[in-house]
Amino acid sequence: MADTANQGDLETVSSSLLTVINDLHTKYKSLQEGIVANYIPELAKVNPDLFSICIATVDGQVYEVGDIKQLFTIQSISKVFSYGLALEDHGRDYVLTRVGVEPTGDAFNAIILDERSKRPYNPMVNAGAIATTSLIKGSGATERLNRLLDMFHRYIGHDVFVDISVFTSERSTGHRNRAMAHLMLNFGMIDQNIEEALDLYFQQCAVMVNCRDLAIMAATLANGGINPITGEQAVEKTYIKDILSVMYTCGMYNFAGEWAYKVGIPAKSGVCGGIMAVVPNKMGIAVFSPPLDIRGNSVRGVKVCEELSQRLGLHLFDCSGCRE
């Protein structure tokens, strides 16, 4: 009888999640606010009508709606995972000497460093991510890239590839990122091999994923670093708190405070139009919709996550279910 009851509970939860994400997809599909990122020429070609939502739970259930199979470049969401790899390669104490953990309140591509420490403020802004990526170990550019791709494989469960056209586009137009790299070189935050570090950064941003992939990656973080589909350890459990902490305080750029207030879960956005959110010990959430707001976050993605948090009671500080 207990097994039958549990199966019934699972079916009820599945039906509820499917209903919620289908409702939200229908509600926001016609929303026309925002514009597709155009400062990277290849991103400007993306269809603004693409829209998908996916939830992956820590027990391996996946619920999805919309353009789930549509591939897109991961962009800044990659910063979460390269940060985890740098932590594994060097440990948190050393990484903290190169990259801080403070939110900035500035745009993601601001050319600024902490005035006192000369470090980039956090690993979720471009300067911090370039410094983080420069820490990834390897005997040369090829080995570092292969280690990065192997890491993504562990999180997702299948091989990924770099979109060469987007990589080339970012590489040829990434002058602000070069300015950041030279500024950090001046203060000893990265080493002399600037172009190799920048190439790896541009390559990680150009890795191709779909909405389901992002949800599984988020669920892996929610599951203590273990991919809930494959059972493979993607990142050491000891660094999950580091990753989720900076996602929570810095992952949504200069919208991070309002996101923490309204949605209340760790998240990371990218100018591809993706948003990845983590509900620790429960699920990963992913939304893909290319039109962005003025801060560089997906318009539909923000609205979907705000409503998911409200409907499912996901806010980390929500005490509505607490005992009086």
C-alpha atoms as a PDB file:
ATOM      1  CA  MET A   1       0.000   0.000   0.000  1.00  0.00           C
ATOM      2  CA  ALA A   2       2.839   2.386   0.842  1.00  0.00           C
ATOM      3  CA  ASP A   3       4.475   1.836  -2.568  1.00  0.00           C
ATOM      4  CA  THR A   4       1.159   2.503  -4.296  1.00  0.00           C
ATOM      5  CA  ALA A   5       0.694   5.698  -2.305  1.00  0.00           C
ATOM      6  CA  ASN A   6       4.193   6.899  -3.128  1.00  0.00           C
ATOM      7  CA  GLN A   7       3.640   6.201  -6.817  1.00  0.00           C
ATOM      8  CA  GLY A   8       0.449   8.224  -6.641  1.00  0.00           C
ATOM      9  CA  ASP A   9       2.312  11.109  -4.997  1.00  0.00           C
ATOM     10  CA  LEU A  10       4.947  11.046  -7.748  1.00  0.00           C
ATOM     11  CA  GLU A  11       2.296  11.096 -10.460  1.00  0.00           C
ATOM     12  CA  THR A  12       0.566  14.039  -8.750  1.00  0.00           C
ATOM     13  CA  VAL A  13       3.848  15.991  -8.539  1.00  0.00           C
ATOM     14  CA  SER A  14       4.642  15.193 -12.192  1.00  0.00           C
ATOM     15  CA  SER A  15       1.224  16.300 -13.332  1.00  0.00           C
ATOM     16  CA  SER A  16       1.475  19.486 -11.267  1.00  0.00           C
ATOM     17  CA  LEU A  17       4.901  20.475 -12.630  1.00  0.00           C
ATOM     18  CA  LEU A  18       3.861  19.783 -16.209  1.00  0.00           C
ATOM     19  CA  THR A  19       0.705  21.824 -15.742  1.00  0.00           C
ATOM     20  CA  VAL A  20       2.596  24.757 -14.250  1.00  0.00           C
ATOM     21  CA  ILE A  21       5.287  24.972 -16.939  1.00  0.00           C
ATOM     22  CA  ASN A  22       2.731  24.502 -19.719  1.00  0.00           C
ATOM     23  CA  ASP A  23       0.637  27.306 -18.232  1.00  0.00           C
ATOM     24  CA  LEU A  24       3.653  29.606 -18.021  1.00  0.00           C
ATOM     25  CA  HIS A  25       4.768  28.778 -21.546  1.00  0.00           C
ATOM     26  CA  THR A  26       1.315  29.614 -22.884  1.00  0.00           C
ATOM     27  CA  LYS A  27       1.086  32.776 -20.752  1.00  0.00           C
ATOM     28  CA  TYR A  28       4.420  34.295 -21.830  1.00  0.00           C
ATOM     29  CA  LYS A  29       4.851  32.959 -25.362  1.00  0.00           C
ATOM     30  CA  SER A  30       3.229  36.055 -26.877  1.00  0.00           C
ATOM     31  CA  LEU A  31       5.308  38.481 -24.776  1.00  0.00           C
ATOM     32  CA  GLN A  32       7.262  40.690 -27.167  1.00  0.00           C
ATOM     33  CA  GLU A  33       9.400  42.736 -24.757  1.00  0.00           C
ATOM     34  CA  GLY A  34      13.190  42.838 -24.968  1.00  0.00           C
ATOM     35  CA  ILE A  35      15.722  42.642 -27.774  1.00  0.00           C
ATOM     36  CA  VAL A  36      18.118  39.901 -28.874  1.00  0.00           C
ATOM     37  CA  ALA A  37      21.789  40.507 -28.012  1.00  0.00           C
ATOM     38  CA  ASN A  38      23.473  42.212 -30.953  1.00  0.00           C
ATOM     39  CA  TYR A  39      26.914  43.200 -29.669  1.00  0.00           C
ATOM     40  CA  ILE A  40      28.085  39.739 -30.775  1.00  0.00           C
ATOM     41  CA  PRO A  41      27.101  39.599 -34.471  1.00  0.00           C
ATOM     42  CA  GLU A  42      26.280  35.879 -34.530  1.00  0.00           C
ATOM     43  CA  LEU A  43      23.858  36.200 -31.583  1.00  0.00           C
ATOM     44  CA  ALA A  44      21.866  38.858 -33.430  1.00  0.00           C
ATOM     45  CA  LYS A  45      20.763  36.163 -35.913  1.00  0.00           C
ATOM     46  CA  VAL A  46      18.816  34.159 -33.306  1.00  0.00           C
ATOM     47  CA  ASN A  47      15.043  33.783 -33.679  1.00  0.00           C
ATOM     48  CA  PRO A  48      13.425  35.872 -30.886  1.00  0.00           C
ATOM     49  CA  ASP A  49      10.345  33.624 -30.797  1.00  0.00           C
ATOM     50  CA  LEU A  50      12.235  30.591 -29.473  1.00  0.00           C
ATOM     51  CA  PHE A  51      11.012  29.718 -25.985  1.00  0.00           C
ATOM     52  CA  SER A  52      11.419  26.664 -23.765  1.00  0.00           C
ATOM     53  CA  ILE A  53      11.121  25.717 -20.090  1.00  0.00           C
ATOM     54  CA  CYS A  54      12.569  22.623 -18.421  1.00  0.00           C
ATOM     55  CA  ILE A  55      12.678  21.289 -14.867  1.00  0.00           C
ATOM     56  CA  ALA A  56      14.939  18.389 -13.862  1.00  0.00           C
ATOM     57  CA  THR A  57      14.599  16.933 -10.371  1.00  0.00           C
ATOM     58  CA  VAL A  58      17.344  15.410  -8.236  1.00  0.00           C
ATOM     59  CA  ASP A  59      15.726  11.984  -8.676  1.00  0.00           C
ATOM     60  CA  GLY A  60      16.140  12.202 -12.448  1.00  0.00           C
ATOM     61  CA  GLN A  61      12.676  13.265 -13.599  1.00  0.00           C
ATOM     62  CA  VAL A  62      12.551  15.774 -16.456  1.00  0.00           C
ATOM     63  CA  TYR A  63       9.585  17.996 -17.378  1.00  0.00           C
ATOM     64  CA  GLU A  64       9.781  20.173 -20.469  1.00  0.00           C
ATOM     65  CA  VAL A  65       7.803  22.346 -22.853  1.00  0.00           C
ATOM     66  CA  GLY A  66       8.566  24.410 -25.957  1.00  0.00           C
ATOM     67  CA  ASP A  67      11.659  24.450 -28.171  1.00  0.00           C
ATOM     68  CA  ILE A  68      13.558  22.028 -25.950  1.00  0.00           C
ATOM     69  CA  LYS A  69      15.875  20.628 -28.633  1.00  0.00           C
ATOM     70  CA  GLN A  70      16.940  24.039 -29.938  1.00  0.00           C
ATOM     71  CA  LEU A  71      20.689  24.452 -29.471  1.00  0.00           C
ATOM     72  CA  PHE A  72      22.176  27.775 -28.373  1.00  0.00           C
ATOM     73  CA  THR A  73      25.517  28.973 -27.013  1.00  0.00           C
ATOM     74  CA  ILE A  74      25.739  28.818 -23.245  1.00  0.00           C
ATOM     75  CA  GLN A  75      27.487  32.217 -22.939  1.00  0.00           C
ATOM     76  CA  SER A  76      27.847  33.553 -19.371  1.00  0.00           C
ATOM     77  CA  ILE A  77      26.125  30.561 -17.777  1.00  0.00           C
ATOM     78  CA  SER A  78      29.423  28.778 -18.462  1.00  0.00           C
ATOM     79  CA  LYS A  79      31.045  30.941 -15.768  1.00  0.00           C
ATOM     80  CA  VAL A  80      29.387  28.851 -13.064  1.00  0.00           C
ATOM     81  CA  PHE A  81      31.070  25.672 -14.243  1.00  0.00           C
ATOM     82  CA  SER A  82      34.523  27.029 -15.066  1.00  0.00           C
ATOM     83  CA  TYR A  83      34.532  28.497 -11.550  1.00  0.00           C
ATOM     84  CA  GLY A  84      33.866  25.035 -10.152  1.00  0.00           C
ATOM     85  CA  LEU A  85      36.703  23.574 -12.223  1.00  0.00           C
ATOM     86  CA  ALA A  86      39.112  26.289 -11.052  1.00  0.00           C
ATOM     87  CA  LEU A  87      38.143  25.519  -7.440  1.00  0.00           C
ATOM     88  CA  GLU A  88      38.892  21.837  -8.005  1.00  0.00           C
ATOM     89  CA  ASP A  89      42.217  22.687  -9.648  1.00  0.00           C
ATOM     90  CA  HIS A  90      43.465  25.124  -6.986  1.00  0.00           C
ATOM     91  CA  GLY A  91      41.190  25.123  -3.914  1.00  0.00           C
ATOM     92  CA  ARG A  92      39.072  27.992  -2.626  1.00  0.00           C
ATOM     93  CA  ASP A  93      41.847  29.803  -0.732  1.00  0.00           C
ATOM     94  CA  TYR A  94      44.013  30.252  -3.808  1.00  0.00           C
ATOM     95  CA  VAL A  95      41.108  31.118  -6.109  1.00  0.00           C
ATOM     96  CA  LEU A  96      40.087  33.827  -3.640  1.00  0.00           C
ATOM     97  CA  THR A  97      43.469  35.486  -4.096  1.00  0.00           C
ATOM     98  CA  ARG A  98      42.623  35.977  -7.791  1.00  0.00           C
ATOM     99  CA  VAL A  99      38.839  36.493  -7.802  1.00  0.00           C
ATOM    100  CA  GLY A 100      36.580  37.950  -5.105  1.00  0.00           C
ATOM    101  CA  VAL A 101      32.996  37.039  -4.221  1.00  0.00           C
ATOM    102  CA  GLU A 102      31.365  40.454  -3.831  1.00  0.00           C
ATOM    103  CA  PRO A 103      28.438  41.610  -6.013  1.00  0.00           C
ATOM    104  CA  THR A 104      29.205  44.754  -7.984  1.00  0.00           C
ATOM    105  CA  GLY A 105      25.925  46.452  -8.830  1.00  0.00           C
ATOM    106  CA  ASP A 106      27.548  47.193 -12.197  1.00  0.00           C
ATOM    107  CA  ALA A 107      27.005  45.759 -15.659  1.00  0.00           C
ATOM    108  CA  PHE A 108      28.500  42.334 -16.419  1.00  0.00           C
ATOM    109  CA  ASN A 109      31.066  43.815 -18.822  1.00  0.00           C
ATOM    110  CA  ALA A 110      32.209  46.737 -16.645  1.00  0.00           C
ATOM    111  CA  ILE A 111      35.959  47.347 -16.797  1.00  0.00           C
ATOM    112  CA  ILE A 112      36.533  47.594 -13.050  1.00  0.00           C
ATOM    113  CA  LEU A 113      38.497  45.846 -10.316  1.00  0.00           C
ATOM    114  CA  ASP A 114      38.275  46.047  -6.546  1.00  0.00           C
ATOM    115  CA  GLU A 115      40.300  49.181  -5.650  1.00  0.00           C
ATOM    116  CA  ARG A 116      41.839  47.631  -2.544  1.00  0.00           C
ATOM    117  CA  SER A 117      42.650  44.056  -3.606  1.00  0.00           C
ATOM    118  CA  LYS A 118      42.905  44.679  -7.384  1.00  0.00           C
ATOM    119  CA  ARG A 119      40.929  41.472  -7.920  1.00  0.00           C
ATOM    120  CA  PRO A 120      37.872  41.265 -10.153  1.00  0.00           C
ATOM    121  CA  TYR A 121      34.829  41.449  -7.890  1.00  0.00           C
ATOM    122  CA  ASN A 122      33.370  37.983  -8.521  1.00  0.00           C
ATOM    123  CA  PRO A 123      33.549  35.077 -10.995  1.00  0.00           C
ATOM    124  CA  MET A 124      30.135  35.814 -12.532  1.00  0.00           C
ATOM    125  CA  VAL A 125      31.135  39.081 -14.252  1.00  0.00           C
ATOM    126  CA  ASN A 126      33.339  39.009 -17.340  1.00  0.00           C
ATOM    127  CA  ALA A 127      36.556  40.154 -15.645  1.00  0.00           C
ATOM    128  CA  GLY A 128      36.178  37.534 -12.911  1.00  0.00           C
ATOM    129  CA  ALA A 129      35.310  34.810 -15.387  1.00  0.00           C
ATOM    130  CA  ILE A 130      38.384  35.563 -17.512  1.00  0.00           C
ATOM    131  CA  ALA A 131      40.556  35.328 -14.396  1.00  0.00           C
ATOM    132  CA  THR A 132      38.814  32.098 -13.366  1.00  0.00           C
ATOM    133  CA  THR A 133      39.213  30.515 -16.798  1.00  0.00           C
ATOM    134  CA  SER A 134      42.901  31.434 -16.824  1.00  0.00           C
ATOM    135  CA  LEU A 135      43.308  29.202 -13.752  1.00  0.00           C
ATOM    136  CA  ILE A 136      42.150  26.011 -15.480  1.00  0.00           C
ATOM    137  CA  LYS A 137      45.083  23.622 -15.580  1.00  0.00           C
ATOM    138  CA  GLY A 138      46.563  22.031 -18.684  1.00  0.00           C
ATOM    139  CA  SER A 139      49.835  21.675 -20.566  1.00  0.00           C
ATOM    140  CA  GLY A 140      48.546  23.822 -23.418  1.00  0.00           C
ATOM    141  CA  ALA A 141      45.486  25.315 -25.057  1.00  0.00           C
ATOM    142  CA  THR A 142      44.193  21.987 -26.420  1.00  0.00           C
ATOM    143  CA  GLU A 143      44.423  20.179 -23.092  1.00  0.00           C
ATOM    144  CA  ARG A 144      42.684  23.021 -21.271  1.00  0.00           C
ATOM    145  CA  LEU A 145      39.847  23.060 -23.795  1.00  0.00           C
ATOM    146  CA  ASN A 146      39.486  19.278 -23.612  1.00  0.00           C
ATOM    147  CA  ARG A 147      39.326  19.423 -19.810  1.00  0.00           C
ATOM    148  CA  LEU A 148      36.613  22.076 -20.075  1.00  0.00           C
ATOM    149  CA  LEU A 149      34.598  20.009 -22.560  1.00  0.00           C
ATOM    150  CA  ASP A 150      35.012  16.882 -20.409  1.00  0.00           C
ATOM    151  CA  MET A 151      33.654  18.842 -17.460  1.00  0.00           C
ATOM    152  CA  PHE A 152      30.549  19.856 -19.427  1.00  0.00           C
ATOM    153  CA  HIS A 153      30.103  16.198 -20.429  1.00  0.00           C
ATOM    154  CA  ARG A 154      29.961  15.193 -16.761  1.00  0.00           C
ATOM    155  CA  TYR A 155      27.314  17.804 -15.982  1.00  0.00           C
ATOM    156  CA  ILE A 156      25.145  17.120 -19.040  1.00  0.00           C
ATOM    157  CA  GLY A 157      25.726  13.439 -19.783  1.00  0.00           C
ATOM    158  CA  HIS A 158      26.781  13.754 -23.419  1.00  0.00           C
ATOM    159  CA  ASP A 159      29.488  15.361 -25.528  1.00  0.00           C
ATOM    160  CA  VAL A 160      29.274  19.061 -26.362  1.00  0.00           C
ATOM    161  CA  PHE A 161      30.981  21.157 -29.000  1.00  0.00           C
ATOM    162  CA  VAL A 162      32.022  24.758 -29.546  1.00  0.00           C
ATOM    163  CA  ASP A 163      30.160  26.780 -32.177  1.00  0.00           C
ATOM    164  CA  ILE A 164      33.097  28.021 -34.233  1.00  0.00           C
ATOM    165  CA  SER A 165      31.162  30.868 -35.875  1.00  0.00           C
ATOM    166  CA  VAL A 166      30.131  32.300 -32.488  1.00  0.00           C
ATOM    167  CA  PHE A 167      33.631  31.765 -31.065  1.00  0.00           C
ATOM    168  CA  THR A 168      35.152  33.589 -34.026  1.00  0.00           C
ATOM    169  CA  SER A 169      32.574  36.372 -33.744  1.00  0.00           C
ATOM    170  CA  GLU A 170      33.269  36.849 -30.030  1.00  0.00           C
ATOM    171  CA  ARG A 171      37.011  36.659 -30.563  1.00  0.00           C
ATOM    172  CA  SER A 172      37.001  39.330 -33.282  1.00  0.00           C
ATOM    173  CA  THR A 173      34.767  41.750 -31.354  1.00  0.00           C
ATOM    174  CA  GLY A 174      35.880  41.099 -27.747  1.00  0.00           C
ATOM    175  CA  HIS A 175      37.833  44.306 -27.254  1.00  0.00           C
ATOM    176  CA  ARG A 176      36.288  45.102 -23.838  1.00  0.00           C
ATOM    177  CA  ASN A 177      37.300  41.656 -22.608  1.00  0.00           C
ATOM    178  CA  ARG A 178      40.851  42.253 -23.844  1.00  0.00           C
ATOM    179  CA  ALA A 179      40.903  45.553 -21.960  1.00  0.00           C
ATOM    180  CA  MET A 180      39.868  43.715 -18.786  1.00  0.00           C
ATOM    181  CA  ALA A 181      42.533  41.078 -19.318  1.00  0.00           C
ATOM    182  CA  HIS A 182      45.283  43.683 -19.741  1.00  0.00           C
ATOM    183  CA  LEU A 183      44.098  45.525 -16.634  1.00  0.00           C
ATOM    184  CA  MET A 184      44.256  42.288 -14.629  1.00  0.00           C
ATOM    185  CA  LEU A 185      47.669  41.469 -16.089  1.00  0.00           C
ATOM    186  CA  ASN A 186      48.885  44.837 -14.839  1.00  0.00           C
ATOM    187  CA  PHE A 187      47.895  43.885 -11.282  1.00  0.00           C
ATOM    188  CA  GLY A 188      49.071  40.269 -11.466  1.00  0.00           C
ATOM    189  CA  MET A 189      45.629  38.662 -11.425  1.00  0.00           C
ATOM    190  CA  ILE A 190      46.306  36.681 -14.620  1.00  0.00           C
ATOM    191  CA  ASP A 191      49.568  35.589 -16.253  1.00  0.00           C
ATOM    192  CA  GLN A 192      51.242  36.795 -19.422  1.00  0.00           C
ATOM    193  CA  ASN A 193      49.416  34.444 -21.810  1.00  0.00           C
ATOM    194  CA  ILE A 194      46.409  36.714 -22.303  1.00  0.00           C
ATOM    195  CA  GLU A 195      45.334  35.518 -25.755  1.00  0.00           C
ATOM    196  CA  GLU A 196      45.272  31.857 -24.702  1.00  0.00           C
ATOM    197  CA  ALA A 197      43.150  32.678 -21.651  1.00  0.00           C
ATOM    198  CA  LEU A 198      40.780  34.815 -23.726  1.00  0.00           C
ATOM    199  CA  ASP A 199      40.450  32.146 -26.406  1.00  0.00           C
ATOM    200  CA  LEU A 200      39.459  29.580 -23.782  1.00  0.00           C
ATOM    201  CA  TYR A 201      36.976  32.039 -22.295  1.00  0.00           C
ATOM    202  CA  PHE A 202      35.419  32.746 -25.713  1.00  0.00           C
ATOM    203  CA  GLN A 203      35.304  29.002 -26.420  1.00  0.00           C
ATOM    204  CA  GLN A 204      33.554  28.158 -23.151  1.00  0.00           C
ATOM    205  CA  CYS A 205      30.936  30.830 -23.896  1.00  0.00           C
ATOM    206  CA  ALA A 206      30.383  29.303 -27.362  1.00  0.00           C
ATOM    207  CA  VAL A 207      29.650  25.769 -26.102  1.00  0.00           C
ATOM    208  CA  MET A 208      26.324  24.571 -27.534  1.00  0.00           C
ATOM    209  CA  VAL A 209      23.552  23.366 -25.203  1.00  0.00           C
ATOM    210  CA  ASN A 210      19.773  23.165 -25.161  1.00  0.00           C
ATOM    211  CA  CYS A 211      17.247  23.937 -22.442  1.00  0.00           C
ATOM    212  CA  ARG A 212      17.143  20.339 -21.208  1.00  0.00           C
ATOM    213  CA  ASP A 213      20.941  20.330 -20.886  1.00  0.00           C
ATOM    214  CA  LEU A 214      20.823  23.470 -18.730  1.00  0.00           C
ATOM    215  CA  ALA A 215      18.159  21.978 -16.460  1.00  0.00           C
ATOM    216  CA  ILE A 216      20.224  18.815 -15.935  1.00  0.00           C
ATOM    217  CA  MET A 217      23.310  20.906 -15.189  1.00  0.00           C
ATOM    218  CA  ALA A 218      21.309  22.862 -12.632  1.00  0.00           C
ATOM    219  CA  ALA A 219      19.912  19.638 -11.156  1.00  0.00           C
ATOM    220  CA  THR A 220      23.468  18.311 -10.866  1.00  0.00           C
ATOM    221  CA  LEU A 221      24.350  21.310  -8.698  1.00  0.00           C
ATOM    222  CA  ALA A 222      21.142  20.785  -6.707  1.00  0.00           C
ATOM    223  CA  ASN A 223      22.143  17.136  -6.222  1.00  0.00           C
ATOM    224  CA  GLY A 224      25.501  17.743  -4.549  1.00  0.00           C
ATOM    225  CA  GLY A 225      27.432  17.662  -7.806  1.00  0.00           C
ATOM    226  CA  ILE A 226      26.111  14.284  -8.967  1.00  0.00           C
ATOM    227  CA  ASN A 227      24.371  14.157 -12.353  1.00  0.00           C
ATOM    228  CA  PRO A 228      20.894  12.783 -11.504  1.00  0.00           C
ATOM    229  CA  ILE A 229      20.581  11.069 -14.899  1.00  0.00           C
ATOM    230  CA  THR A 230      24.005   9.385 -15.213  1.00  0.00           C
ATOM    231  CA  GLY A 231      25.042   9.214 -11.558  1.00  0.00           C
ATOM    232  CA  GLU A 232      28.446  10.686 -12.432  1.00  0.00           C
ATOM    233  CA  GLN A 233      30.154  13.124 -10.059  1.00  0.00           C
ATOM    234  CA  ALA A 234      30.540  16.339 -12.071  1.00  0.00           C
ATOM    235  CA  VAL A 235      32.170  18.486  -9.377  1.00  0.00           C
ATOM    236  CA  GLU A 236      33.406  17.831  -5.864  1.00  0.00           C
ATOM    237  CA  LYS A 237      30.602  18.212  -3.326  1.00  0.00           C
ATOM    238  CA  THR A 238      32.737  20.435  -1.082  1.00  0.00           C
ATOM    239  CA  TYR A 239      32.610  23.234  -3.690  1.00  0.00           C
ATOM    240  CA  ILE A 240      28.845  23.261  -4.243  1.00  0.00           C
ATOM    241  CA  LYS A 241      28.331  25.857  -1.504  1.00  0.00           C
ATOM    242  CA  ASP A 242      30.957  28.123  -3.108  1.00  0.00           C
ATOM    243  CA  ILE A 243      29.304  27.863  -6.522  1.00  0.00           C
ATOM    244  CA  LEU A 244      25.743  28.365  -5.287  1.00  0.00           C
ATOM    245  CA  SER A 245      26.734  31.262  -3.017  1.00  0.00           C
ATOM    246  CA  VAL A 246      28.168  33.350  -5.844  1.00  0.00           C
ATOM    247  CA  MET A 247      25.268  32.380  -8.100  1.00  0.00           C
ATOM    248  CA  TYR A 248      22.846  33.664  -5.472  1.00  0.00           C
ATOM    249  CA  THR A 249      24.594  36.987  -4.852  1.00  0.00           C
ATOM    250  CA  CYS A 250      26.131  37.683  -8.279  1.00  0.00           C
ATOM    251  CA  GLY A 251      24.584  35.430 -10.916  1.00  0.00           C
ATOM    252  CA  MET A 252      22.038  37.901 -12.265  1.00  0.00           C
ATOM    253  CA  TYR A 253      24.461  40.831 -12.523  1.00  0.00           C
ATOM    254  CA  ASN A 254      23.016  44.181 -11.433  1.00  0.00           C
ATOM    255  CA  PHE A 255      19.600  42.523 -11.049  1.00  0.00           C
ATOM    256  CA  ALA A 256      20.972  40.120  -8.419  1.00  0.00           C
ATOM    257  CA  GLY A 257      19.441  41.885  -5.415  1.00  0.00           C
ATOM    258  CA  GLU A 258      15.967  42.102  -6.889  1.00  0.00           C
ATOM    259  CA  TRP A 259      16.240  38.486  -8.069  1.00  0.00           C
ATOM    260  CA  ALA A 260      17.200  37.339  -4.558  1.00  0.00           C
ATOM    261  CA  TYR A 261      14.272  39.309  -3.163  1.00  0.00           C
ATOM    262  CA  LYS A 262      11.633  38.099  -5.624  1.00  0.00           C
ATOM    263  CA  VAL A 263      12.799  34.642  -6.724  1.00  0.00           C
ATOM    264  CA  GLY A 264      15.123  33.663  -3.899  1.00  0.00           C
ATOM    265  CA  ILE A 265      17.197  30.843  -5.435  1.00  0.00           C
ATOM    266  CA  PRO A 266      20.724  30.696  -6.934  1.00  0.00           C
ATOM    267  CA  ALA A 267      20.699  31.437 -10.664  1.00  0.00           C
ATOM    268  CA  LYS A 268      22.821  32.441 -13.627  1.00  0.00           C
ATOM    269  CA  SER A 269      21.790  34.172 -16.831  1.00  0.00           C
ATOM    270  CA  GLY A 270      23.482  34.565 -20.182  1.00  0.00           C
ATOM    271  CA  VAL A 271      23.050  36.878 -23.161  1.00  0.00           C
ATOM    272  CA  CYS A 272      22.057  33.810 -25.174  1.00  0.00           C
ATOM    273  CA  GLY A 273      18.670  34.176 -23.458  1.00  0.00           C
ATOM    274  CA  GLY A 274      19.153  31.320 -21.041  1.00  0.00           C
ATOM    275  CA  ILE A 275      18.545  31.350 -17.301  1.00  0.00           C
ATOM    276  CA  MET A 276      19.577  28.435 -15.093  1.00  0.00           C
ATOM    277  CA  ALA A 277      18.331  28.243 -11.498  1.00  0.00           C
ATOM    278  CA  VAL A 278      19.047  25.783  -8.691  1.00  0.00           C
ATOM    279  CA  VAL A 279      16.737  24.689  -5.892  1.00  0.00           C
ATOM    280  CA  PRO A 280      19.164  22.854  -3.555  1.00  0.00           C
ATOM    281  CA  ASN A 281      18.282  19.206  -2.882  1.00  0.00           C
ATOM    282  CA  LYS A 282      15.202  19.472  -5.127  1.00  0.00           C
ATOM    283  CA  MET A 283      15.555  20.523  -8.757  1.00  0.00           C
ATOM    284  CA  GLY A 284      17.187  22.484 -11.513  1.00  0.00           C
ATOM    285  CA  ILE A 285      15.251  24.942 -13.663  1.00  0.00           C
ATOM    286  CA  ALA A 286      16.125  26.247 -17.115  1.00  0.00           C
ATOM    287  CA  VAL A 287      14.410  28.757 -19.380  1.00  0.00           C
ATOM    288  CA  PHE A 288      15.508  29.767 -22.869  1.00  0.00           C
ATOM    289  CA  SER A 289      14.149  32.869 -24.604  1.00  0.00           C
ATOM    290  CA  PRO A 290      16.551  35.172 -26.504  1.00  0.00           C
ATOM    291  CA  PRO A 291      15.017  38.681 -26.042  1.00  0.00           C
ATOM    292  CA  LEU A 292      16.837  40.437 -23.200  1.00  0.00           C
ATOM    293  CA  ASP A 293      16.065  43.314 -20.843  1.00  0.00           C
ATOM    294  CA  ILE A 294      18.406  46.265 -20.307  1.00  0.00           C
ATOM    295  CA  ARG A 295      20.488  44.255 -17.817  1.00  0.00           C
ATOM    296  CA  GLY A 296      21.108  41.393 -20.247  1.00  0.00           C
ATOM    297  CA  ASN A 297      18.642  38.921 -18.695  1.00  0.00           C
ATOM    298  CA  SER A 298      15.967  37.033 -20.629  1.00  0.00           C
ATOM    299  CA  VAL A 299      12.643  38.885 -20.277  1.00  0.00           C
ATOM    300  CA  ARG A 300      10.486  35.759 -20.490  1.00  0.00           C
ATOM    301  CA  GLY A 301      13.010  33.834 -18.395  1.00  0.00           C
ATOM    302  CA  VAL A 302      12.830  36.261 -15.482  1.00  0.00           C
ATOM    303  CA  LYS A 303       9.031  36.297 -15.510  1.00  0.00           C
ATOM    304  CA  VAL A 304       8.807  32.498 -15.674  1.00  0.00           C
ATOM    305  CA  CYS A 305      11.214  32.062 -12.762  1.00  0.00           C
ATOM    306  CA  GLU A 306       9.454  34.689 -10.657  1.00  0.00           C
ATOM    307  CA  GLU A 307       6.144  32.912 -11.140  1.00  0.00           C
ATOM    308  CA  LEU A 308       7.614  29.424 -10.634  1.00  0.00           C
ATOM    309  CA  SER A 309       9.056  30.572  -7.317  1.00  0.00           C
ATOM    310  CA  GLN A 310       5.682  31.922  -6.230  1.00  0.00           C
ATOM    311  CA  ARG A 311       3.591  28.961  -7.393  1.00  0.00           C
ATOM    312  CA  LEU A 312       5.931  26.242  -6.109  1.00  0.00           C
ATOM    313  CA  GLY A 313       7.132  28.040  -2.967  1.00  0.00           C
ATOM    314  CA  LEU A 314      10.790  27.884  -3.997  1.00  0.00           C
ATOM    315  CA  HIS A 315      12.154  31.027  -2.298  1.00  0.00           C
ATOM    316  CA  LEU A 316      14.851  29.929   0.145  1.00  0.00           C
ATOM    317  CA  PHE A 317      13.467  32.209   2.856  1.00  0.00           C
ATOM    318  CA  ASP A 318       9.787  31.463   2.321  1.00  0.00           C
ATOM    319  CA  CYS A 319       8.342  30.492   5.701  1.00  0.00           C
ATOM    320  CA  SER A 320       4.734  30.160   4.586  1.00  0.00           C
ATOM    321  CA  GLY A 321       4.929  26.432   5.295  1.00  0.00           C
ATOM    322  CA  CYS A 322       6.685  26.836   8.645  1.00  0.00           C
ATOM    323  CA  ARG A 323       5.024  25.902  11.911  1.00  0.00           C
ATOM    324  CA  GLU A 324       3.593  28.786  13.907  1.00  0.00           C
END
